[in-house]
Amino acid sequence: MKHILAACIAGIALVACSPPASDTAASGPVAAGEVAPEANPAPPPVGADPALPDTCGMAQHAALAGQPITAAGVPAESPQVRHIRPDSQVTMDFSPTRLNIDISADGVITGFRCG
């Protein structure tokens, strides 16, 4: 009787430590030379979707990334252009035609995005 009880407890412990059936069955077997898909891939960065339209003209300024904010050709701040520095406070409203220029603490343009 003691052996049966010990076997039941060991069986329950093994079942509790095994992965759920949905994780192993859903992905299926992987052929040699193939890479198994990630179970939880990381979401893409915000604004990285190439399908999003360029509604603010950020593509025409992309060459300015890495340049100082004082460089020629950088749009001046206006209601449709925001210069966003690390210590800037900005509203969370979304305006698809507004150009946001991200600027590092040392005054270098780090990126452009619409919003």
C-alpha atoms as a PDB file:
ATOM      1  CA  MET A   1       0.000   0.000   0.000  1.00  0.00           C
ATOM      2  CA  LYS A   2       2.869   2.353   0.808  1.00  0.00           C
ATOM      3  CA  HIS A   3       4.402   1.683  -2.607  1.00  0.00           C
ATOM      4  CA  ILE A   4       1.172   2.541  -4.454  1.00  0.00           C
ATOM      5  CA  LEU A   5       0.770   5.783  -2.505  1.00  0.00           C
ATOM      6  CA  ALA A   6       4.400   6.740  -3.216  1.00  0.00           C
ATOM      7  CA  ALA A   7       3.919   5.958  -6.931  1.00  0.00           C
ATOM      8  CA  CYS A   8       0.776   8.144  -7.083  1.00  0.00           C
ATOM      9  CA  ILE A   9       2.545  11.061  -5.419  1.00  0.00           C
ATOM     10  CA  ALA A  10       5.531  10.712  -7.786  1.00  0.00           C
ATOM     11  CA  GLY A  11       3.189  10.599 -10.804  1.00  0.00           C
ATOM     12  CA  ILE A  12       1.351  13.743  -9.702  1.00  0.00           C
ATOM     13  CA  ALA A  13       4.671  15.542  -9.186  1.00  0.00           C
ATOM     14  CA  LEU A  14       5.844  14.605 -12.689  1.00  0.00           C
ATOM     15  CA  VAL A  15       2.599  15.780 -14.297  1.00  0.00           C
ATOM     16  CA  ALA A  16       2.791  19.099 -12.457  1.00  0.00           C
ATOM     17  CA  CYS A  17       6.305  19.729 -13.807  1.00  0.00           C
ATOM     18  CA  SER A  18       5.538  18.961 -17.463  1.00  0.00           C
ATOM     19  CA  PRO A  19       4.714  21.766 -19.970  1.00  0.00           C
ATOM     20  CA  PRO A  20       1.088  22.231 -20.982  1.00  0.00           C
ATOM     21  CA  ALA A  21       0.002  20.156 -23.971  1.00  0.00           C
ATOM     22  CA  SER A  22      -0.941  23.279 -25.966  1.00  0.00           C
ATOM     23  CA  ASP A  23       2.679  24.535 -26.009  1.00  0.00           C
ATOM     24  CA  THR A  24       4.131  21.363 -27.478  1.00  0.00           C
ATOM     25  CA  ALA A  25       1.299  20.297 -29.779  1.00  0.00           C
ATOM     26  CA  ALA A  26       0.543  23.691 -31.320  1.00  0.00           C
ATOM     27  CA  SER A  27       4.022  24.261 -32.694  1.00  0.00           C
ATOM     28  CA  GLY A  28       4.347  20.809 -34.243  1.00  0.00           C
ATOM     29  CA  PRO A  29       7.585  19.104 -35.219  1.00  0.00           C
ATOM     30  CA  VAL A  30      10.434  21.132 -36.659  1.00  0.00           C
ATOM     31  CA  ALA A  31      12.284  19.723 -39.678  1.00  0.00           C
ATOM     32  CA  ALA A  32      16.065  19.567 -39.752  1.00  0.00           C
ATOM     33  CA  GLY A  33      17.592  22.926 -40.647  1.00  0.00           C
ATOM     34  CA  GLU A  34      14.490  24.902 -39.700  1.00  0.00           C
ATOM     35  CA  VAL A  35      14.222  27.266 -36.768  1.00  0.00           C
ATOM     36  CA  ALA A  36      11.347  26.748 -34.354  1.00  0.00           C
ATOM     37  CA  PRO A  37       9.086  29.808 -34.012  1.00  0.00           C
ATOM     38  CA  GLU A  38       9.253  31.734 -30.752  1.00  0.00           C
ATOM     39  CA  ALA A  39       6.459  30.991 -28.312  1.00  0.00           C
ATOM     40  CA  ASN A  40       6.043  34.680 -27.404  1.00  0.00           C
ATOM     41  CA  PRO A  41       7.706  36.932 -30.004  1.00  0.00           C
ATOM     42  CA  ALA A  42       8.437  40.484 -28.925  1.00  0.00           C
ATOM     43  CA  PRO A  43       6.061  43.121 -30.275  1.00  0.00           C
ATOM     44  CA  PRO A  44       7.493  45.424 -32.933  1.00  0.00           C
ATOM     45  CA  PRO A  45       8.613  48.876 -31.817  1.00  0.00           C
ATOM     46  CA  VAL A  46       6.017  51.615 -32.009  1.00  0.00           C
ATOM     47  CA  GLY A  47       6.040  53.259 -35.424  1.00  0.00           C
ATOM     48  CA  ALA A  48       8.117  50.473 -36.974  1.00  0.00           C
ATOM     49  CA  ASP A  49       5.271  49.147 -39.141  1.00  0.00           C
ATOM     50  CA  PRO A  50       6.183  49.940 -42.758  1.00  0.00           C
ATOM     51  CA  ALA A  51       2.487  49.772 -43.646  1.00  0.00           C
ATOM     52  CA  LEU A  52       1.801  52.934 -41.636  1.00  0.00           C
ATOM     53  CA  PRO A  53       1.436  55.956 -43.904  1.00  0.00           C
ATOM     54  CA  ASP A  54       3.877  58.853 -43.632  1.00  0.00           C
ATOM     55  CA  THR A  55       1.257  61.477 -42.806  1.00  0.00           C
ATOM     56  CA  CYS A  56       3.682  64.071 -41.423  1.00  0.00           C
ATOM     57  CA  GLY A  57       6.546  64.039 -43.932  1.00  0.00           C
ATOM     58  CA  MET A  58       9.045  62.281 -41.667  1.00  0.00           C
ATOM     59  CA  ALA A  59      10.654  60.422 -44.597  1.00  0.00           C
ATOM     60  CA  GLN A  60      11.955  63.644 -46.129  1.00  0.00           C
ATOM     61  CA  HIS A  61      13.832  64.419 -42.887  1.00  0.00           C
ATOM     62  CA  ALA A  62      15.224  60.913 -42.223  1.00  0.00           C
ATOM     63  CA  ALA A  63      18.708  61.889 -43.448  1.00  0.00           C
ATOM     64  CA  LEU A  64      18.950  64.367 -40.561  1.00  0.00           C
ATOM     65  CA  ALA A  65      18.998  61.596 -37.942  1.00  0.00           C
ATOM     66  CA  GLY A  66      22.320  61.731 -36.095  1.00  0.00           C
ATOM     67  CA  GLN A  67      22.780  65.427 -36.887  1.00  0.00           C
ATOM     68  CA  PRO A  68      22.642  68.226 -34.292  1.00  0.00           C
ATOM     69  CA  ILE A  69      19.259  69.910 -33.904  1.00  0.00           C
ATOM     70  CA  THR A  70      20.914  73.135 -35.073  1.00  0.00           C
ATOM     71  CA  ALA A  71      21.800  71.620 -38.487  1.00  0.00           C
ATOM     72  CA  ALA A  72      20.464  73.239 -41.639  1.00  0.00           C
ATOM     73  CA  GLY A  73      17.197  71.779 -42.860  1.00  0.00           C
ATOM     74  CA  VAL A  74      15.800  70.849 -39.440  1.00  0.00           C
ATOM     75  CA  PRO A  75      12.233  72.162 -39.208  1.00  0.00           C
ATOM     76  CA  ALA A  76      11.664  74.816 -36.556  1.00  0.00           C
ATOM     77  CA  GLU A  77       9.261  74.152 -33.705  1.00  0.00           C
ATOM     78  CA  SER A  78       5.665  75.013 -34.565  1.00  0.00           C
ATOM     79  CA  PRO A  79       2.172  73.656 -33.907  1.00  0.00           C
ATOM     80  CA  GLN A  80       2.934  70.946 -36.509  1.00  0.00           C
ATOM     81  CA  VAL A  81       6.536  70.222 -35.402  1.00  0.00           C
ATOM     82  CA  ARG A  82       7.574  69.193 -31.881  1.00  0.00           C
ATOM     83  CA  HIS A  83      11.171  69.020 -30.666  1.00  0.00           C
ATOM     84  CA  ILE A  84      11.102  66.368 -27.928  1.00  0.00           C
ATOM     85  CA  ARG A  85      14.058  66.261 -25.565  1.00  0.00           C
ATOM     86  CA  PRO A  86      14.517  63.862 -22.604  1.00  0.00           C
ATOM     87  CA  ASP A  87      13.205  66.489 -20.163  1.00  0.00           C
ATOM     88  CA  SER A  88      10.317  67.665 -22.394  1.00  0.00           C
ATOM     89  CA  GLN A  89       6.717  67.426 -21.304  1.00  0.00           C
ATOM     90  CA  VAL A  90       4.417  66.626 -24.209  1.00  0.00           C
ATOM     91  CA  THR A  91       0.704  66.076 -24.519  1.00  0.00           C
ATOM     92  CA  MET A  92      -0.540  62.591 -25.338  1.00  0.00           C
ATOM     93  CA  ASP A  93      -2.945  63.712 -28.049  1.00  0.00           C
ATOM     94  CA  PHE A  94      -2.306  62.188 -31.463  1.00  0.00           C
ATOM     95  CA  SER A  95      -2.122  64.394 -34.523  1.00  0.00           C
ATOM     96  CA  PRO A  96      -1.174  62.347 -37.607  1.00  0.00           C
ATOM     97  CA  THR A  97       0.108  65.421 -39.448  1.00  0.00           C
ATOM     98  CA  ARG A  98       2.413  66.575 -36.615  1.00  0.00           C
ATOM     99  CA  LEU A  99       6.127  65.747 -36.927  1.00  0.00           C
ATOM    100  CA  ASN A 100       7.824  64.715 -33.673  1.00  0.00           C
ATOM    101  CA  ILE A 101      11.611  65.103 -33.643  1.00  0.00           C
ATOM    102  CA  ASP A 102      13.283  63.096 -30.874  1.00  0.00           C
ATOM    103  CA  ILE A 103      16.432  64.789 -29.576  1.00  0.00           C
ATOM    104  CA  SER A 104      19.055  63.347 -27.208  1.00  0.00           C
ATOM    105  CA  ALA A 105      20.302  65.161 -24.104  1.00  0.00           C
ATOM    106  CA  ASP A 106      23.342  66.387 -26.043  1.00  0.00           C
ATOM    107  CA  GLY A 107      21.229  67.934 -28.838  1.00  0.00           C
ATOM    108  CA  VAL A 108      21.481  65.205 -31.492  1.00  0.00           C
ATOM    109  CA  ILE A 109      18.423  64.094 -33.493  1.00  0.00           C
ATOM    110  CA  THR A 110      17.665  60.452 -32.650  1.00  0.00           C
ATOM    111  CA  GLY A 111      14.531  59.946 -34.749  1.00  0.00           C
ATOM    112  CA  PHE A 112      11.362  61.179 -36.363  1.00  0.00           C
ATOM    113  CA  ARG A 113       7.771  60.026 -35.963  1.00  0.00           C
ATOM    114  CA  CYS A 114       4.287  61.215 -36.735  1.00  0.00           C
ATOM    115  CA  GLY A 115       1.873  62.042 -33.973  1.00  0.00           C
END
